[in-house]
PDB file of N, CA and C in Angstrom:
ATOM      1  N   UNK A   1       1.587   9.635 -17.131  1.00  0.00           N
ATOM      2  CA  UNK A   1       2.317  10.681 -16.620  1.00  0.00           C
ATOM      3  C   UNK A   1       2.146  10.771 -15.018  1.00  0.00           C
ATOM      4  N   UNK A   2       3.214  11.098 -14.379  1.00  0.00           N
ATOM      5  CA  UNK A   2       3.137  11.257 -12.894  1.00  0.00           C
ATOM      6  C   UNK A   2       3.722  12.660 -12.557  1.00  0.00           C
ATOM      7  N   UNK A   3       3.325  13.181 -11.405  1.00  0.00           N
ATOM      8  CA  UNK A   3       4.001  14.436 -10.897  1.00  0.00           C
ATOM      9  C   UNK A   3       4.353  14.169  -9.456  1.00  0.00           C
ATOM     10  N   UNK A   4       5.643  14.438  -9.230  1.00  0.00           N
ATOM     11  CA  UNK A   4       6.147  14.307  -7.990  1.00  0.00           C
ATOM     12  C   UNK A   4       5.677  15.391  -6.924  1.00  0.00           C
ATOM     13  N   UNK A   5       5.556  14.983  -5.682  1.00  0.00           N
ATOM     14  CA  UNK A   5       5.090  15.788  -4.793  1.00  0.00           C
ATOM     15  C   UNK A   5       5.928  17.159  -4.766  1.00  0.00           C
ATOM     16  N   UNK A   6       7.130  17.072  -4.733  1.00  0.00           N
ATOM     17  CA  UNK A   6       7.970  18.186  -4.749  1.00  0.00           C
ATOM     18  C   UNK A   6       7.790  19.091  -5.965  1.00  0.00           C
ATOM     19  N   UNK A   7       7.552  18.482  -7.131  1.00  0.00           N
ATOM     20  CA  UNK A   7       7.280  19.288  -8.269  1.00  0.00           C
ATOM     21  C   UNK A   7       5.976  19.985  -8.114  1.00  0.00           C
ATOM     22  N   UNK A   8       4.896  19.290  -7.714  1.00  0.00           N
ATOM     23  CA  UNK A   8       3.590  19.843  -7.495  1.00  0.00           C
ATOM     24  C   UNK A   8       3.653  21.048  -6.541  1.00  0.00           C
ATOM     25  N   UNK A   9       4.285  20.862  -5.491  1.00  0.00           N
ATOM     26  CA  UNK A   9       4.392  22.008  -4.409  1.00  0.00           C
ATOM     27  C   UNK A   9       5.134  23.179  -5.074  1.00  0.00           C
ATOM     28  N   UNK A  10       6.147  22.936  -5.724  1.00  0.00           N
ATOM     29  CA  UNK A  10       6.923  23.956  -6.384  1.00  0.00           C
ATOM     30  C   UNK A  10       5.984  24.759  -7.369  1.00  0.00           C
ATOM     31  N   UNK A  11       5.291  23.958  -8.171  1.00  0.00           N
ATOM     32  CA  UNK A  11       4.429  24.659  -9.173  1.00  0.00           C
ATOM     33  C   UNK A  11       3.376  25.454  -8.520  1.00  0.00           C
ATOM     34  N   UNK A  12       2.761  24.843  -7.391  1.00  0.00           N
ATOM     35  CA  UNK A  12       1.667  25.663  -6.689  1.00  0.00           C
ATOM     36  C   UNK A  12       2.228  26.955  -6.109  1.00  0.00           C
ATOM     37  N   UNK A  13       3.513  26.834  -5.516  1.00  0.00           N
ATOM     38  CA  UNK A  13       4.078  28.007  -5.016  1.00  0.00           C
ATOM     39  C   UNK A  13       4.334  29.057  -6.050  1.00  0.00           C
ATOM     40  N   UNK A  14       4.684  28.604  -7.195  1.00  0.00           N
ATOM     41  CA  UNK A  14       5.015  29.565  -8.285  1.00  0.00           C
ATOM     42  C   UNK A  14       3.661  30.228  -8.835  1.00  0.00           C
ATOM     43  N   UNK A  15       2.600  29.432  -8.865  1.00  0.00           N
ATOM     44  CA  UNK A  15       1.204  30.070  -9.209  1.00  0.00           C
ATOM     45  C   UNK A  15       0.670  30.962  -8.207  1.00  0.00           C
ATOM     46  N   UNK A  16       1.026  30.751  -6.973  1.00  0.00           N
ATOM     47  CA  UNK A  16       0.472  31.535  -5.889  1.00  0.00           C
ATOM     48  C   UNK A  16       1.264  32.883  -5.731  1.00  0.00           C
ATOM     49  N   UNK A  17       2.443  32.928  -6.271  1.00  0.00           N
ATOM     50  CA  UNK A  17       3.230  34.188  -6.275  1.00  0.00           C
ATOM     51  C   UNK A  17       2.935  35.038  -7.551  1.00  0.00           C
ATOM     52  N   UNK A  18       1.976  35.976  -7.411  1.00  0.00           N
ATOM     53  CA  UNK A  18       1.533  36.780  -8.524  1.00  0.00           C
ATOM     54  C   UNK A  18       2.678  37.578  -9.132  1.00  0.00           C
ATOM     55  N   UNK A  19       3.728  37.882  -8.380  1.00  0.00           N
ATOM     56  CA  UNK A  19       4.742  38.650  -8.855  1.00  0.00           C
ATOM     57  C   UNK A  19       5.658  37.861  -9.850  1.00  0.00           C
ATOM     58  N   UNK A  20       5.801  36.732  -9.494  1.00  0.00           N
ATOM     59  CA  UNK A  20       6.634  35.560 -10.308  1.00  0.00           C
ATOM     60  C   UNK A  20       5.832  35.168 -11.483  1.00  0.00           C
ATOM     61  N   UNK A  21       4.496  35.017 -11.362  1.00  0.00           N
ATOM     62  CA  UNK A  21       3.652  34.344 -12.336  1.00  0.00           C
ATOM     63  C   UNK A  21       2.337  34.998 -12.546  1.00  0.00           C
ATOM     64  N   UNK A  22       2.363  36.245 -13.042  1.00  0.00           N
ATOM     65  CA  UNK A  22       1.078  36.939 -13.118  1.00  0.00           C
ATOM     66  C   UNK A  22       0.093  36.330 -14.254  1.00  0.00           C
ATOM     67  N   UNK A  23       0.723  35.599 -15.116  1.00  0.00           N
ATOM     68  CA  UNK A  23       0.007  34.978 -16.182  1.00  0.00           C
ATOM     69  C   UNK A  23      -0.674  33.704 -15.764  1.00  0.00           C
ATOM     70  N   UNK A  24      -0.446  33.381 -14.491  1.00  0.00           N
ATOM     71  CA  UNK A  24      -1.050  32.036 -13.936  1.00  0.00           C
ATOM     72  C   UNK A  24      -2.574  32.214 -13.667  1.00  0.00           C
ATOM     73  N   UNK A  25      -2.987  33.477 -13.392  1.00  0.00           N
ATOM     74  CA  UNK A  25      -4.369  33.871 -12.955  1.00  0.00           C
ATOM     75  C   UNK A  25      -5.450  33.211 -13.873  1.00  0.00           C
ATOM     76  N   UNK A  26      -6.367  32.630 -13.350  1.00  0.00           N
ATOM     77  CA  UNK A  26      -7.594  32.106 -14.128  1.00  0.00           C
ATOM     78  C   UNK A  26      -7.201  31.082 -15.223  1.00  0.00           C
ATOM     79  N   UNK A  27      -6.114  30.364 -14.968  1.00  0.00           N
ATOM     80  CA  UNK A  27      -5.669  29.341 -16.017  1.00  0.00           C
ATOM     81  C   UNK A  27      -5.813  28.034 -15.407  1.00  0.00           C
ATOM     82  N   UNK A  28      -6.005  27.027 -16.250  1.00  0.00           N
ATOM     83  CA  UNK A  28      -6.031  25.726 -15.835  1.00  0.00           C
ATOM     84  C   UNK A  28      -4.817  24.952 -16.357  1.00  0.00           C
ATOM     85  N   UNK A  29      -4.057  24.342 -15.611  1.00  0.00           N
ATOM     86  CA  UNK A  29      -2.815  23.572 -15.972  1.00  0.00           C
ATOM     87  C   UNK A  29      -2.772  22.094 -15.778  1.00  0.00           C
ATOM     88  N   UNK A  30      -2.364  21.380 -16.642  1.00  0.00           N
ATOM     89  CA  UNK A  30      -2.137  20.022 -16.339  1.00  0.00           C
ATOM     90  C   UNK A  30      -0.636  19.858 -16.142  1.00  0.00           C
ATOM     91  N   UNK A  31      -0.270  19.005 -15.186  1.00  0.00           N
ATOM     92  CA  UNK A  31       1.087  18.966 -14.751  1.00  0.00           C
ATOM     93  C   UNK A  31       1.621  17.713 -14.721  1.00  0.00           C
ATOM     94  N   UNK A  32       2.871  17.487 -15.035  1.00  0.00           N
ATOM     95  CA  UNK A  32       3.506  16.104 -14.949  1.00  0.00           C
ATOM     96  C   UNK A  32       4.979  16.452 -14.795  1.00  0.00           C
ATOM     97  N   UNK A  33       5.762  15.374 -14.487  1.00  0.00           N
ATOM     98  CA  UNK A  33       7.222  15.544 -14.385  1.00  0.00           C
ATOM     99  C   UNK A  33       7.863  15.515 -15.667  1.00  0.00           C
ATOM    100  N   UNK A  34       7.077  15.316 -16.756  1.00  0.00           N
ATOM    101  CA  UNK A  34       7.625  15.476 -18.132  1.00  0.00           C
ATOM    102  C   UNK A  34       8.420  14.120 -18.588  1.00  0.00           C
ATOM    103  N   UNK A  35       8.199  13.127 -17.720  1.00  0.00           N
ATOM    104  CA  UNK A  35       8.842  11.836 -18.134  1.00  0.00           C
ATOM    105  C   UNK A  35       7.739  10.834 -18.091  1.00  0.00           C
ATOM    106  N   UNK A  36       7.242  10.457 -19.294  1.00  0.00           N
ATOM    107  CA  UNK A  36       6.188   9.507 -19.355  1.00  0.00           C
ATOM    108  C   UNK A  36       6.779   8.090 -19.523  1.00  0.00           C
ATOM    109  N   UNK A  37       6.273   7.223 -18.668  1.00  0.00           N
ATOM    110  CA  UNK A  37       6.842   5.870 -18.603  1.00  0.00           C
ATOM    111  C   UNK A  37       5.705   4.907 -18.672  1.00  0.00           C
ATOM    112  N   UNK A  38       5.930   3.806 -19.150  1.00  0.00           N
ATOM    113  CA  UNK A  38       5.046   2.563 -19.217  1.00  0.00           C
ATOM    114  C   UNK A  38       4.957   2.013 -17.813  1.00  0.00           C
ATOM    115  N   UNK A  39       3.844   1.130 -17.607  1.00  0.00           N
ATOM    116  CA  UNK A  39       3.702   0.548 -16.317  1.00  0.00           C
ATOM    117  C   UNK A  39       4.875  -0.255 -16.008  1.00  0.00           C
ATOM    118  N   UNK A  40       5.391  -0.985 -16.953  1.00  0.00           N
ATOM    119  CA  UNK A  40       6.499  -1.841 -16.765  1.00  0.00           C
ATOM    120  C   UNK A  40       7.762  -1.073 -16.298  1.00  0.00           C
ATOM    121  N   UNK A  41       7.962   0.102 -17.016  1.00  0.00           N
ATOM    122  CA  UNK A  41       9.118   1.063 -16.686  1.00  0.00           C
ATOM    123  C   UNK A  41       8.962   1.573 -15.251  1.00  0.00           C
ATOM    124  N   UNK A  42       7.748   1.989 -14.912  1.00  0.00           N
ATOM    125  CA  UNK A  42       7.530   2.433 -13.671  1.00  0.00           C
ATOM    126  C   UNK A  42       7.862   1.358 -12.513  1.00  0.00           C
ATOM    127  N   UNK A  43       7.424   0.160 -12.757  1.00  0.00           N
ATOM    128  CA  UNK A  43       7.679  -0.885 -11.862  1.00  0.00           C
ATOM    129  C   UNK A  43       9.229  -1.138 -11.642  1.00  0.00           C
ATOM    130  N   UNK A  44       9.929  -1.039 -12.762  1.00  0.00           N
ATOM    131  CA  UNK A  44      11.484  -1.190 -12.656  1.00  0.00           C
ATOM    132  C   UNK A  44      12.041   0.037 -11.984  1.00  0.00           C
ATOM    133  N   UNK A  45      11.456   1.191 -12.053  1.00  0.00           N
ATOM    134  CA  UNK A  45      11.981   2.284 -11.518  1.00  0.00           C
ATOM    135  C   UNK A  45      11.807   2.208 -10.004  1.00  0.00           C
ATOM    136  N   UNK A  46      10.606   1.827  -9.510  1.00  0.00           N
ATOM    137  CA  UNK A  46      10.326   1.702  -8.140  1.00  0.00           C
ATOM    138  C   UNK A  46      11.155   0.480  -7.502  1.00  0.00           C
ATOM    139  N   UNK A  47      11.328  -0.519  -8.243  1.00  0.00           N
ATOM    140  CA  UNK A  47      12.226  -1.678  -7.757  1.00  0.00           C
ATOM    141  C   UNK A  47      13.667  -1.220  -7.542  1.00  0.00           C
ATOM    142  N   UNK A  48      14.071  -0.427  -8.434  1.00  0.00           N
ATOM    143  CA  UNK A  48      15.438   0.091  -8.395  1.00  0.00           C
ATOM    144  C   UNK A  48      15.581   1.002  -7.302  1.00  0.00           C
ATOM    145  N   UNK A  49      14.633   1.911  -7.023  1.00  0.00           N
ATOM    146  CA  UNK A  49      14.615   2.941  -5.942  1.00  0.00           C
ATOM    147  C   UNK A  49      14.734   2.095  -4.577  1.00  0.00           C
ATOM    148  N   UNK A  50      14.037   1.031  -4.490  1.00  0.00           N
ATOM    149  CA  UNK A  50      13.922   0.212  -3.322  1.00  0.00           C
ATOM    150  C   UNK A  50      15.088  -0.771  -3.224  1.00  0.00           C
ATOM    151  N   UNK A  51      15.928  -0.866  -4.169  1.00  0.00           N
ATOM    152  CA  UNK A  51      17.006  -1.826  -4.181  1.00  0.00           C
ATOM    153  C   UNK A  51      16.435  -3.234  -4.258  1.00  0.00           C
ATOM    154  N   UNK A  52      15.346  -3.369  -4.935  1.00  0.00           N
ATOM    155  CA  UNK A  52      14.772  -4.806  -4.812  1.00  0.00           C
ATOM    156  C   UNK A  52      14.962  -5.425  -6.300  1.00  0.00           C
ATOM    157  N   UNK A  53      15.004  -6.777  -6.354  1.00  0.00           N
ATOM    158  CA  UNK A  53      14.996  -7.425  -7.616  1.00  0.00           C
ATOM    159  C   UNK A  53      13.564  -7.600  -8.156  1.00  0.00           C
ATOM    160  N   UNK A  54      13.370  -7.318  -9.437  1.00  0.00           N
ATOM    161  CA  UNK A  54      12.058  -7.401  -9.965  1.00  0.00           C
ATOM    162  C   UNK A  54      12.033  -8.484 -11.097  1.00  0.00           C
ATOM    163  N   UNK A  55      11.130  -9.322 -10.941  1.00  0.00           N
ATOM    164  CA  UNK A  55      10.932 -10.404 -12.007  1.00  0.00           C
ATOM    165  C   UNK A  55       9.608 -10.117 -12.567  1.00  0.00           C
ATOM    166  N   UNK A  56       9.553  -9.804 -13.775  1.00  0.00           N
ATOM    167  CA  UNK A  56       8.283  -9.619 -14.467  1.00  0.00           C
ATOM    168  C   UNK A  56       7.984 -10.723 -15.614  1.00  0.00           C
ATOM    169  N   UNK A  57       6.771 -11.145 -15.666  1.00  0.00           N
ATOM    170  CA  UNK A  57       6.474 -12.082 -16.698  1.00  0.00           C
ATOM    171  C   UNK A  57       5.694 -11.403 -17.834  1.00  0.00           C
ATOM    172  N   UNK A  58       6.252 -11.551 -18.973  1.00  0.00           N
ATOM    173  CA  UNK A  58       5.580 -10.871 -20.103  1.00  0.00           C
ATOM    174  C   UNK A  58       4.206 -11.444 -20.388  1.00  0.00           C
ATOM    175  N   UNK A  59       3.205 -10.678 -20.389  1.00  0.00           N
ATOM    176  CA  UNK A  59       1.733 -11.169 -20.638  1.00  0.00           C
ATOM    177  C   UNK A  59       1.273 -10.171 -21.811  1.00  0.00           C
ATOM    178  N   UNK A  60       0.823 -10.843 -22.877  1.00  0.00           N
ATOM    179  CA  UNK A  60       0.373  -9.963 -24.060  1.00  0.00           C
ATOM    180  C   UNK A  60      -0.804  -9.099 -23.712  1.00  0.00           C
ATOM    181  N   UNK A  61      -0.811  -7.828 -23.960  1.00  0.00           N
ATOM    182  CA  UNK A  61      -1.967  -7.065 -23.558  1.00  0.00           C
ATOM    183  C   UNK A  61      -3.183  -7.493 -24.125  1.00  0.00           C
ATOM    184  N   UNK A  62      -3.240  -8.224 -25.441  1.00  0.00           N
ATOM    185  CA  UNK A  62      -4.540  -8.663 -25.873  1.00  0.00           C
ATOM    186  C   UNK A  62      -5.139  -9.805 -25.037  1.00  0.00           C
ATOM    187  N   UNK A  63      -4.232 -10.515 -24.225  1.00  0.00           N
ATOM    188  CA  UNK A  63      -4.759 -11.627 -23.384  1.00  0.00           C
ATOM    189  C   UNK A  63      -5.334 -11.011 -22.221  1.00  0.00           C
ATOM    190  N   UNK A  64      -4.689  -9.856 -21.686  1.00  0.00           N
ATOM    191  CA  UNK A  64      -5.353  -9.156 -20.505  1.00  0.00           C
ATOM    192  C   UNK A  64      -6.733  -8.550 -20.924  1.00  0.00           C
ATOM    193  N   UNK A  65      -6.686  -7.911 -21.979  1.00  0.00           N
ATOM    194  CA  UNK A  65      -7.882  -7.316 -22.454  1.00  0.00           C
ATOM    195  C   UNK A  65      -9.022  -8.306 -22.705  1.00  0.00           C
ATOM    196  N   UNK A  66      -8.704  -9.633 -23.278  1.00  0.00           N
ATOM    197  CA  UNK A  66      -9.742 -10.585 -23.465  1.00  0.00           C
ATOM    198  C   UNK A  66     -10.337 -11.098 -22.121  1.00  0.00           C
ATOM    199  N   UNK A  67      -9.310 -11.423 -21.245  1.00  0.00           N
ATOM    200  CA  UNK A  67      -9.831 -11.916 -19.839  1.00  0.00           C
ATOM    201  C   UNK A  67     -10.596 -10.922 -19.214  1.00  0.00           C
ATOM    202  N   UNK A  68     -10.161  -9.572 -19.275  1.00  0.00           N
ATOM    203  CA  UNK A  68     -10.858  -8.597 -18.561  1.00  0.00           C
ATOM    204  C   UNK A  68     -12.293  -8.321 -19.073  1.00  0.00           C
ATOM    205  N   UNK A  69     -12.346  -8.350 -20.411  1.00  0.00           N
ATOM    206  CA  UNK A  69     -13.663  -8.175 -20.985  1.00  0.00           C
ATOM    207  C   UNK A  69     -14.634  -9.331 -20.669  1.00  0.00           C
ATOM    208  N   UNK A  70     -14.075 -10.520 -20.626  1.00  0.00           N
ATOM    209  CA  UNK A  70     -14.924 -11.715 -20.184  1.00  0.00           C
ATOM    210  C   UNK A  70     -15.461 -11.647 -18.810  1.00  0.00           C
ATOM    211  N   UNK A  71     -14.638 -10.898 -17.904  1.00  0.00           N
ATOM    212  CA  UNK A  71     -15.115 -10.715 -16.520  1.00  0.00           C
ATOM    213  C   UNK A  71     -15.850  -9.481 -16.436  1.00  0.00           C
ATOM    214  N   UNK A  72     -16.119  -8.723 -17.415  1.00  0.00           N
ATOM    215  CA  UNK A  72     -16.888  -7.468 -17.340  1.00  0.00           C
ATOM    216  C   UNK A  72     -16.085  -6.325 -16.771  1.00  0.00           C
ATOM    217  N   UNK A  73     -14.689  -6.395 -16.997  1.00  0.00           N
ATOM    218  CA  UNK A  73     -13.793  -5.374 -16.471  1.00  0.00           C
ATOM    219  C   UNK A  73     -13.013  -4.759 -17.652  1.00  0.00           C
ATOM    220  N   UNK A  74     -13.634  -4.681 -18.849  1.00  0.00           N
ATOM    221  CA  UNK A  74     -12.880  -4.171 -19.916  1.00  0.00           C
ATOM    222  C   UNK A  74     -12.495  -2.583 -19.825  1.00  0.00           C
ATOM    223  N   UNK A  75     -13.287  -1.851 -19.091  1.00  0.00           N
ATOM    224  CA  UNK A  75     -12.931  -0.462 -18.876  1.00  0.00           C
ATOM    225  C   UNK A  75     -11.798  -0.426 -17.856  1.00  0.00           C
ATOM    226  N   UNK A  76     -11.678  -1.229 -16.980  1.00  0.00           N
ATOM    227  CA  UNK A  76     -10.543  -1.350 -16.159  1.00  0.00           C
ATOM    228  C   UNK A  76      -9.245  -1.658 -16.962  1.00  0.00           C
ATOM    229  N   UNK A  77      -9.206  -2.614 -17.713  1.00  0.00           N
ATOM    230  CA  UNK A  77      -8.152  -3.014 -18.611  1.00  0.00           C
ATOM    231  C   UNK A  77      -7.752  -1.837 -19.585  1.00  0.00           C
ATOM    232  N   UNK A  78      -8.835  -1.143 -20.085  1.00  0.00           N
ATOM    233  CA  UNK A  78      -8.455   0.033 -20.968  1.00  0.00           C
ATOM    234  C   UNK A  78      -7.572   0.967 -20.154  1.00  0.00           C
ATOM    235  N   UNK A  79      -8.011   1.302 -18.901  1.00  0.00           N
ATOM    236  CA  UNK A  79      -7.253   2.254 -18.173  1.00  0.00           C
ATOM    237  C   UNK A  79      -5.847   1.792 -17.936  1.00  0.00           C
ATOM    238  N   UNK A  80      -5.811   0.553 -17.493  1.00  0.00           N
ATOM    239  CA  UNK A  80      -4.453  -0.120 -17.119  1.00  0.00           C
ATOM    240  C   UNK A  80      -3.589  -0.102 -18.324  1.00  0.00           C
ATOM    241  N   UNK A  81      -4.030  -0.440 -19.495  1.00  0.00           N
ATOM    242  CA  UNK A  81      -3.170  -0.711 -20.700  1.00  0.00           C
ATOM    243  C   UNK A  81      -3.107   0.468 -21.569  1.00  0.00           C
ATOM    244  N   UNK A  82      -3.961   1.532 -21.477  1.00  0.00           N
ATOM    245  CA  UNK A  82      -4.003   2.629 -22.310  1.00  0.00           C
ATOM    246  C   UNK A  82      -2.939   3.688 -21.928  1.00  0.00           C
ATOM    247  N   UNK A  83      -2.873   4.654 -22.786  1.00  0.00           N
ATOM    248  CA  UNK A  83      -1.953   5.759 -22.602  1.00  0.00           C
ATOM    249  C   UNK A  83      -2.574   6.843 -21.641  1.00  0.00           C
ATOM    250  N   UNK A  84      -1.826   7.163 -20.707  1.00  0.00           N
ATOM    251  CA  UNK A  84      -2.359   8.118 -19.738  1.00  0.00           C
ATOM    252  C   UNK A  84      -1.318   9.327 -19.546  1.00  0.00           C
ATOM    253  N   UNK A  85      -0.985   9.895 -20.730  1.00  0.00           N
ATOM    254  CA  UNK A  85       0.080  10.969 -20.822  1.00  0.00           C
ATOM    255  C   UNK A  85      -0.689  12.297 -20.718  1.00  0.00           C
ATOM    256  N   UNK A  86      -0.064  13.189 -19.942  1.00  0.00           N
ATOM    257  CA  UNK A  86      -0.516  14.587 -19.704  1.00  0.00           C
ATOM    258  C   UNK A  86       0.451  15.500 -20.275  1.00  0.00           C
ATOM    259  N   UNK A  87      -0.044  16.474 -21.016  1.00  0.00           N
ATOM    260  CA  UNK A  87       0.696  17.424 -21.586  1.00  0.00           C
ATOM    261  C   UNK A  87       0.887  18.692 -20.849  1.00  0.00           C
ATOM    262  N   UNK A  88       2.062  18.935 -20.213  1.00  0.00           N
ATOM    263  CA  UNK A  88       2.301  19.983 -19.278  1.00  0.00           C
ATOM    264  C   UNK A  88       2.978  21.169 -19.969  1.00  0.00           C
ATOM    265  N   UNK A  89       3.048  21.199 -21.180  1.00  0.00           N
ATOM    266  CA  UNK A  89       3.761  22.205 -21.945  1.00  0.00           C
ATOM    267  C   UNK A  89       3.240  23.631 -21.626  1.00  0.00           C
ATOM    268  N   UNK A  90       1.976  23.785 -21.344  1.00  0.00           N
ATOM    269  CA  UNK A  90       1.441  25.117 -21.047  1.00  0.00           C
ATOM    270  C   UNK A  90       2.123  25.673 -19.833  1.00  0.00           C
ATOM    271  N   UNK A  91       2.268  24.867 -18.759  1.00  0.00           N
ATOM    272  CA  UNK A  91       2.961  25.347 -17.522  1.00  0.00           C
ATOM    273  C   UNK A  91       4.477  25.757 -17.927  1.00  0.00           C
ATOM    274  N   UNK A  92       5.100  24.993 -18.714  1.00  0.00           N
ATOM    275  CA  UNK A  92       6.451  25.232 -19.094  1.00  0.00           C
ATOM    276  C   UNK A  92       6.540  26.540 -19.860  1.00  0.00           C
ATOM    277  N   UNK A  93       5.701  26.652 -20.782  1.00  0.00           N
ATOM    278  CA  UNK A  93       5.732  27.826 -21.919  1.00  0.00           C
ATOM    279  C   UNK A  93       5.191  29.123 -21.258  1.00  0.00           C
ATOM    280  N   UNK A  94       4.040  29.017 -20.550  1.00  0.00           N
ATOM    281  CA  UNK A  94       3.460  30.299 -20.047  1.00  0.00           C
ATOM    282  C   UNK A  94       4.172  30.763 -18.874  1.00  0.00           C
ATOM    283  N   UNK A  95       4.671  29.879 -17.877  1.00  0.00           N
ATOM    284  CA  UNK A  95       5.144  30.227 -16.654  1.00  0.00           C
ATOM    285  C   UNK A  95       6.666  29.965 -16.609  1.00  0.00           C
ATOM    286  N   UNK A  96       7.197  29.271 -17.541  1.00  0.00           N
ATOM    287  CA  UNK A  96       8.640  28.895 -17.462  1.00  0.00           C
ATOM    288  C   UNK A  96       8.960  27.807 -16.407  1.00  0.00           C
ATOM    289  N   UNK A  97       7.971  27.146 -16.011  1.00  0.00           N
ATOM    290  CA  UNK A  97       8.148  26.194 -14.909  1.00  0.00           C
ATOM    291  C   UNK A  97       9.015  24.986 -15.368  1.00  0.00           C
ATOM    292  N   UNK A  98       9.853  24.402 -14.569  1.00  0.00           N
ATOM    293  CA  UNK A  98      10.611  23.154 -14.889  1.00  0.00           C
ATOM    294  C   UNK A  98      10.506  22.421 -13.650  1.00  0.00           C
ATOM    295  N   UNK A  99      10.371  21.043 -13.827  1.00  0.00           N
ATOM    296  CA  UNK A  99      10.338  20.139 -12.639  1.00  0.00           C
ATOM    297  C   UNK A  99      11.684  20.390 -11.718  1.00  0.00           C
ATOM    298  N   UNK A 100      11.535  20.356 -10.442  1.00  0.00           N
ATOM    299  CA  UNK A 100      12.798  20.465  -9.543  1.00  0.00           C
ATOM    300  C   UNK A 100      13.307  19.166  -9.249  1.00  0.00           C
ATOM    301  N   UNK A 101      12.576  18.044  -9.351  1.00  0.00           N
ATOM    302  CA  UNK A 101      13.281  16.766  -9.185  1.00  0.00           C
ATOM    303  C   UNK A 101      12.776  15.840 -10.276  1.00  0.00           C
ATOM    304  N   UNK A 102      13.630  14.813 -10.536  1.00  0.00           N
ATOM    305  CA  UNK A 102      13.232  13.885 -11.519  1.00  0.00           C
ATOM    306  C   UNK A 102      12.454  12.744 -10.925  1.00  0.00           C
ATOM    307  N   UNK A 103      11.786  11.924 -11.738  1.00  0.00           N
ATOM    308  CA  UNK A 103      11.107  10.788 -11.212  1.00  0.00           C
ATOM    309  C   UNK A 103      12.034   9.881 -10.388  1.00  0.00           C
ATOM    310  N   UNK A 104      13.124   9.549 -10.844  1.00  0.00           N
ATOM    311  CA  UNK A 104      14.137   8.644 -10.136  1.00  0.00           C
ATOM    312  C   UNK A 104      14.474   9.271  -8.762  1.00  0.00           C
ATOM    313  N   UNK A 105      14.779  10.615  -8.808  1.00  0.00           N
ATOM    314  CA  UNK A 105      15.047  11.276  -7.538  1.00  0.00           C
ATOM    315  C   UNK A 105      13.946  11.149  -6.491  1.00  0.00           C
ATOM    316  N   UNK A 106      12.760  11.308  -7.033  1.00  0.00           N
ATOM    317  CA  UNK A 106      11.527  11.345  -6.140  1.00  0.00           C
ATOM    318  C   UNK A 106      11.354   9.928  -5.540  1.00  0.00           C
ATOM    319  N   UNK A 107      11.522   8.956  -6.503  1.00  0.00           N
ATOM    320  CA  UNK A 107      11.225   7.468  -6.104  1.00  0.00           C
ATOM    321  C   UNK A 107      12.227   7.225  -5.047  1.00  0.00           C
ATOM    322  N   UNK A 108      13.541   7.614  -5.262  1.00  0.00           N
ATOM    323  CA  UNK A 108      14.705   7.256  -4.182  1.00  0.00           C
ATOM    324  C   UNK A 108      14.285   7.873  -2.809  1.00  0.00           C
ATOM    325  N   UNK A 109      13.693   9.109  -2.919  1.00  0.00           N
ATOM    326  CA  UNK A 109      13.343   9.846  -1.668  1.00  0.00           C
ATOM    327  C   UNK A 109      12.324   9.198  -1.037  1.00  0.00           C
ATOM    328  N   UNK A 110      11.231   8.723  -1.789  1.00  0.00           N
ATOM    329  CA  UNK A 110      10.141   7.865  -1.283  1.00  0.00           C
ATOM    330  C   UNK A 110      10.643   6.597  -0.616  1.00  0.00           C
ATOM    331  N   UNK A 111      11.503   5.896  -1.289  1.00  0.00           N
ATOM    332  CA  UNK A 111      12.003   4.714  -0.627  1.00  0.00           C
ATOM    333  C   UNK A 111      12.863   4.928   0.631  1.00  0.00           C
ATOM    334  N   UNK A 112      13.511   5.961   0.820  1.00  0.00           N
ATOM    335  CA  UNK A 112      14.317   6.405   1.940  1.00  0.00           C
ATOM    336  C   UNK A 112      13.500   6.737   3.012  1.00  0.00           C
ATOM    337  N   UNK A 113      12.334   7.138   2.844  1.00  0.00           N
ATOM    338  CA  UNK A 113      11.354   7.614   3.915  1.00  0.00           C
ATOM    339  C   UNK A 113      10.197   6.672   4.105  1.00  0.00           C
ATOM    340  N   UNK A 114      10.332   5.521   3.509  1.00  0.00           N
ATOM    341  CA  UNK A 114       9.207   4.515   3.683  1.00  0.00           C
ATOM    342  C   UNK A 114       9.434   3.719   4.978  1.00  0.00           C
ATOM    343  N   UNK A 115       8.503   3.742   5.935  1.00  0.00           N
ATOM    344  CA  UNK A 115       8.648   3.202   7.239  1.00  0.00           C
ATOM    345  C   UNK A 115       8.376   1.718   7.173  1.00  0.00           C
ATOM    346  N   UNK A 116       7.925   1.204   6.106  1.00  0.00           N
ATOM    347  CA  UNK A 116       7.584  -0.206   6.043  1.00  0.00           C
ATOM    348  C   UNK A 116       8.725  -1.082   5.692  1.00  0.00           C
ATOM    349  N   UNK A 117       9.973  -0.554   5.224  1.00  0.00           N
ATOM    350  CA  UNK A 117      11.058  -1.300   4.928  1.00  0.00           C
ATOM    351  C   UNK A 117      12.071  -1.303   5.996  1.00  0.00           C
TER     352      UNK A 117
END
């Protein structure tokens, strides 16, 4: 799960406005854009936003796990290959919050403002 900067700022502004969101006080929220993607799909989306051609080589996750464990990096492989999904339903249900930009929109915006290209 990822959260776009525009979505995070919008959510914080909502929480800071006690008239619009009195139920936010003393709550803990997990936040995401609501679009959970795999690492492969994220790479494809970033490449598309930058207008780049992406060439990925399929590598079985069990091979990555085996090599990482033999190098003492099993925990790193678990983080890389595991599910890192965040449930942001509390923010949506309790406060009625919805993301203001999609992941694709935010990635395009990021690419447009990238000074390295």
